[in-house]
């Protein structure tokens, strides 16, 4: 598997944030193949989340893979990891080469269309440690990724392209929140893999 990623990423210079964006980390042909294989082979689950005392199905499908059976908890959901499979290990190896981090876990999100989304949050759970590195790779339909600073009046957005890689590190998760909003535009499915280290 060749990622064909460029030697230099697009570095985004925002207050209290360190972000690097590779628009074409995976070539289009490889990204097409990975999207199909992930969609068809990952054991997707559809969990319920509690919002203001009411239970709702998450507006997306998810899956967790990782080392040593370490669970991951967010939004009152505790996910148990599947062991790494060969496909995800190959993707992980490519991502680690760019991020220079040995990741233990990947959370996968499958957005089936424009109605699927992910609300404002930060990847700042205590098991991720101080200044976590989050490497997010996208396959499938392009979607806008929104970010906003916690205290400054700053909002940004990035169009996450098919086969792209976004690396968030430093104090980003402490000072910024992000979301994948719904869209009324007719869009196809998108699969997002967020690699992280669980301590």
Protein backbone atom coordinates (compact mmCIF):
# COMPACT_ATOMS: atom_id res chain seq x y z
CA UNK A 1 0.00 0.00 0.00
CA UNK A 2 1.52 3.30 -1.08
CA UNK A 3 0.16 6.43 0.54
CA UNK A 4 2.05 8.76 -1.82
CA UNK A 5 1.77 11.51 0.78
CA UNK A 6 3.63 14.76 0.10
CA UNK A 7 6.79 15.49 2.03
CA UNK A 8 5.42 18.71 3.51
CA UNK A 9 1.90 19.11 4.90
CA UNK A 10 -0.15 22.28 4.93
CA UNK A 11 0.53 23.71 8.40
CA UNK A 12 -2.34 25.74 9.85
CA UNK A 13 -1.17 28.57 12.11
CA UNK A 14 -4.05 29.20 14.51
CA UNK A 15 -3.88 30.40 18.15
CA UNK A 16 -3.34 27.58 20.66
CA UNK A 17 -3.43 24.95 17.92
CA UNK A 18 -1.05 22.76 15.95
CA UNK A 19 -2.63 21.27 12.82
CA UNK A 20 -1.13 19.66 9.75
CA UNK A 21 -3.23 18.77 6.70
CA UNK A 22 -2.29 16.40 3.87
CA UNK A 23 -4.99 16.80 1.18
CA UNK A 24 -3.97 13.69 -0.78
CA UNK A 25 -2.33 11.46 1.80
CA UNK A 26 -3.70 8.41 -0.03
CA UNK A 27 -4.02 8.39 -3.81
CA UNK A 28 -7.57 8.38 -5.20
CA UNK A 29 -7.41 4.73 -6.32
CA UNK A 30 -6.13 3.52 -2.97
CA UNK A 31 -8.64 5.69 -1.08
CA UNK A 32 -11.48 4.23 -3.19
CA UNK A 33 -10.35 0.71 -2.37
CA UNK A 34 -9.94 1.43 1.35
CA UNK A 35 -13.38 3.06 1.58
CA UNK A 36 -15.07 0.02 0.02
CA UNK A 37 -13.21 -2.47 2.16
CA UNK A 38 -13.80 -0.59 5.40
CA UNK A 39 -17.50 -0.11 4.67
CA UNK A 40 -17.96 -3.80 3.94
CA UNK A 41 -15.74 -5.46 6.55
CA UNK A 42 -15.78 -3.31 9.71
CA UNK A 43 -18.24 -4.55 12.41
CA UNK A 44 -20.13 -1.26 12.60
CA UNK A 45 -22.29 -0.60 15.67
CA UNK A 46 -25.09 1.89 16.29
CA UNK A 47 -24.93 3.06 19.91
CA UNK A 48 -27.36 5.15 21.90
CA UNK A 49 -26.29 8.39 23.55
CA UNK A 50 -28.04 10.27 26.35
CA UNK A 51 -28.78 13.95 25.72
CA UNK A 52 -30.66 15.98 28.35
CA UNK A 53 -31.97 12.76 29.90
CA UNK A 54 -33.21 11.34 26.61
CA UNK A 55 -31.68 8.42 24.73
CA UNK A 56 -31.07 8.80 21.01
CA UNK A 57 -29.27 6.71 18.43
CA UNK A 58 -26.01 8.33 17.41
CA UNK A 59 -26.30 9.96 13.98
CA UNK A 60 -23.51 7.75 12.60
CA UNK A 61 -22.10 4.24 12.95
CA UNK A 62 -18.93 3.55 14.90
CA UNK A 63 -16.30 0.91 15.65
CA UNK A 64 -13.21 0.75 17.87
CA UNK A 65 -10.00 -1.19 17.33
CA UNK A 66 -6.99 -1.15 19.64
CA UNK A 67 -4.26 -2.74 21.73
CA UNK A 68 -4.60 -4.78 24.91
CA UNK A 69 -8.41 -4.61 25.09
CA UNK A 70 -8.33 -1.07 26.48
CA UNK A 71 -11.84 0.46 26.29
CA UNK A 72 -12.56 4.04 25.26
CA UNK A 73 -15.31 6.15 26.82
CA UNK A 74 -17.00 9.30 25.54
CA UNK A 75 -20.52 10.80 25.82
CA UNK A 76 -21.46 8.16 28.41
CA UNK A 77 -20.56 5.40 25.94
CA UNK A 78 -17.85 2.86 26.72
CA UNK A 79 -16.60 1.03 23.64
CA UNK A 80 -14.66 -2.21 23.79
CA UNK A 81 -11.99 -2.54 21.10
CA UNK A 82 -11.72 -5.21 18.46
CA UNK A 83 -8.18 -6.51 17.89
CA UNK A 84 -6.33 -4.89 15.00
CA UNK A 85 -6.94 -6.47 11.61
CA UNK A 86 -4.44 -6.46 8.75
CA UNK A 87 -6.15 -3.66 6.82
CA UNK A 88 -6.19 -1.26 9.77
CA UNK A 89 -2.62 -2.17 10.69
CA UNK A 90 -1.50 -1.18 7.18
CA UNK A 91 -3.33 2.16 7.39
CA UNK A 92 -1.99 2.71 10.92
CA UNK A 93 1.59 2.16 9.72
CA UNK A 94 1.20 4.85 7.06
CA UNK A 95 -0.36 7.34 9.50
CA UNK A 96 2.34 6.73 12.12
CA UNK A 97 5.04 7.50 9.55
CA UNK A 98 3.59 11.00 9.06
CA UNK A 99 2.57 11.70 12.67
CA UNK A 100 5.71 10.18 14.24
CA UNK A 101 3.52 8.63 16.94
CA UNK A 102 2.83 4.98 17.79
CA UNK A 103 -0.95 4.88 18.10
CA UNK A 104 -2.73 2.33 20.29
CA UNK A 105 -6.32 2.84 19.18
CA UNK A 106 -8.49 3.91 16.27
CA UNK A 107 -12.09 5.11 16.49
CA UNK A 108 -13.96 4.73 13.20
CA UNK A 109 -17.02 6.77 12.22
CA UNK A 110 -19.23 5.95 9.25
CA UNK A 111 -21.34 8.90 8.09
CA UNK A 112 -23.91 7.28 5.82
CA UNK A 113 -25.07 10.57 4.28
CA UNK A 114 -25.60 14.26 4.97
CA UNK A 115 -27.94 13.62 7.91
CA UNK A 116 -25.20 11.83 9.84
CA UNK A 117 -23.08 14.12 11.98
CA UNK A 118 -20.95 14.61 15.09
CA UNK A 119 -21.65 17.49 17.50
CA UNK A 120 -19.26 19.95 19.13
CA UNK A 121 -16.65 18.20 21.29
CA UNK A 122 -12.94 17.92 22.00
CA UNK A 123 -10.90 14.74 22.15
CA UNK A 124 -9.75 15.55 25.66
CA UNK A 125 -10.75 12.48 27.67
CA UNK A 126 -8.39 11.78 30.56
CA UNK A 127 -7.17 8.46 29.11
CA UNK A 128 -5.75 10.37 26.12
CA UNK A 129 -3.31 12.23 28.37
CA UNK A 130 -1.90 15.75 28.09
CA UNK A 131 -1.76 17.32 24.61
CA UNK A 132 -2.95 14.24 22.71
CA UNK A 133 -2.07 13.72 19.06
CA UNK A 134 -5.17 12.88 17.01
CA UNK A 135 -4.63 11.74 13.42
CA UNK A 136 -7.80 11.80 11.36
CA UNK A 137 -7.96 10.17 7.92
CA UNK A 138 -11.02 10.52 5.66
CA UNK A 139 -12.38 8.31 2.90
CA UNK A 140 -15.47 8.90 0.78
CA UNK A 141 -17.56 12.04 0.42
CA UNK A 142 -15.94 15.40 1.21
CA UNK A 143 -17.37 17.03 4.35
CA UNK A 144 -16.71 20.33 6.11
CA UNK A 145 -14.96 19.98 9.47
CA UNK A 146 -15.74 22.93 11.78
CA UNK A 147 -13.56 24.17 14.64
CA UNK A 148 -14.07 26.92 17.22
CA UNK A 149 -11.83 28.32 19.95
CA UNK A 150 -13.10 27.93 23.51
CA UNK A 151 -12.43 31.51 24.62
CA UNK A 152 -11.50 33.55 21.54
CA UNK A 153 -14.06 34.50 18.91
CA UNK A 154 -12.44 32.36 16.22
CA UNK A 155 -14.12 29.81 13.99
CA UNK A 156 -12.49 27.86 11.19
CA UNK A 157 -13.46 25.09 8.81
CA UNK A 158 -11.56 22.61 6.67
CA UNK A 159 -12.91 20.62 3.74
CA UNK A 160 -11.76 17.08 4.51
CA UNK A 161 -11.10 15.46 1.16
CA UNK A 162 -11.18 11.82 0.05
CA UNK A 163 -7.89 10.24 1.15
CA UNK A 164 -6.83 13.22 3.29
CA UNK A 165 -5.08 13.24 6.66
CA UNK A 166 -5.49 15.88 9.38
CA UNK A 167 -3.16 15.76 12.39
CA UNK A 168 -4.17 17.72 15.50
CA UNK A 169 -1.59 18.03 18.26
CA UNK A 170 -0.16 20.30 20.94
CA UNK A 171 -2.82 22.17 22.92
CA UNK A 172 -5.45 21.92 20.17
CA UNK A 173 -7.84 19.68 22.13
CA UNK A 174 -7.63 21.90 25.22
CA UNK A 175 -8.44 25.17 23.44
CA UNK A 176 -10.58 24.10 20.49
CA UNK A 177 -13.74 22.10 19.87
CA UNK A 178 -14.68 20.52 16.56
CA UNK A 179 -17.72 19.06 14.85
CA UNK A 180 -18.93 17.40 11.66
CA UNK A 181 -22.28 19.14 11.10
CA UNK A 182 -25.20 17.82 9.12
CA UNK A 183 -25.56 19.03 5.56
CA UNK A 184 -28.60 19.41 3.33
CA UNK A 185 -26.42 18.83 0.30
CA UNK A 186 -26.74 15.42 -1.34
CA UNK A 187 -23.55 13.67 -0.24
CA UNK A 188 -22.50 10.05 -0.20
CA UNK A 189 -20.99 8.05 2.63
CA UNK A 190 -17.83 9.03 4.45
CA UNK A 191 -15.62 6.93 6.70
CA UNK A 192 -13.32 8.68 9.16
CA UNK A 193 -10.58 7.00 11.20
CA UNK A 194 -9.22 8.88 14.21
CA UNK A 195 -6.02 7.38 15.54
CA UNK A 196 -5.08 8.13 19.14
CA UNK A 197 -3.02 6.90 22.11
CA UNK A 198 -4.88 5.56 25.13
CA UNK A 199 -2.74 5.48 28.28
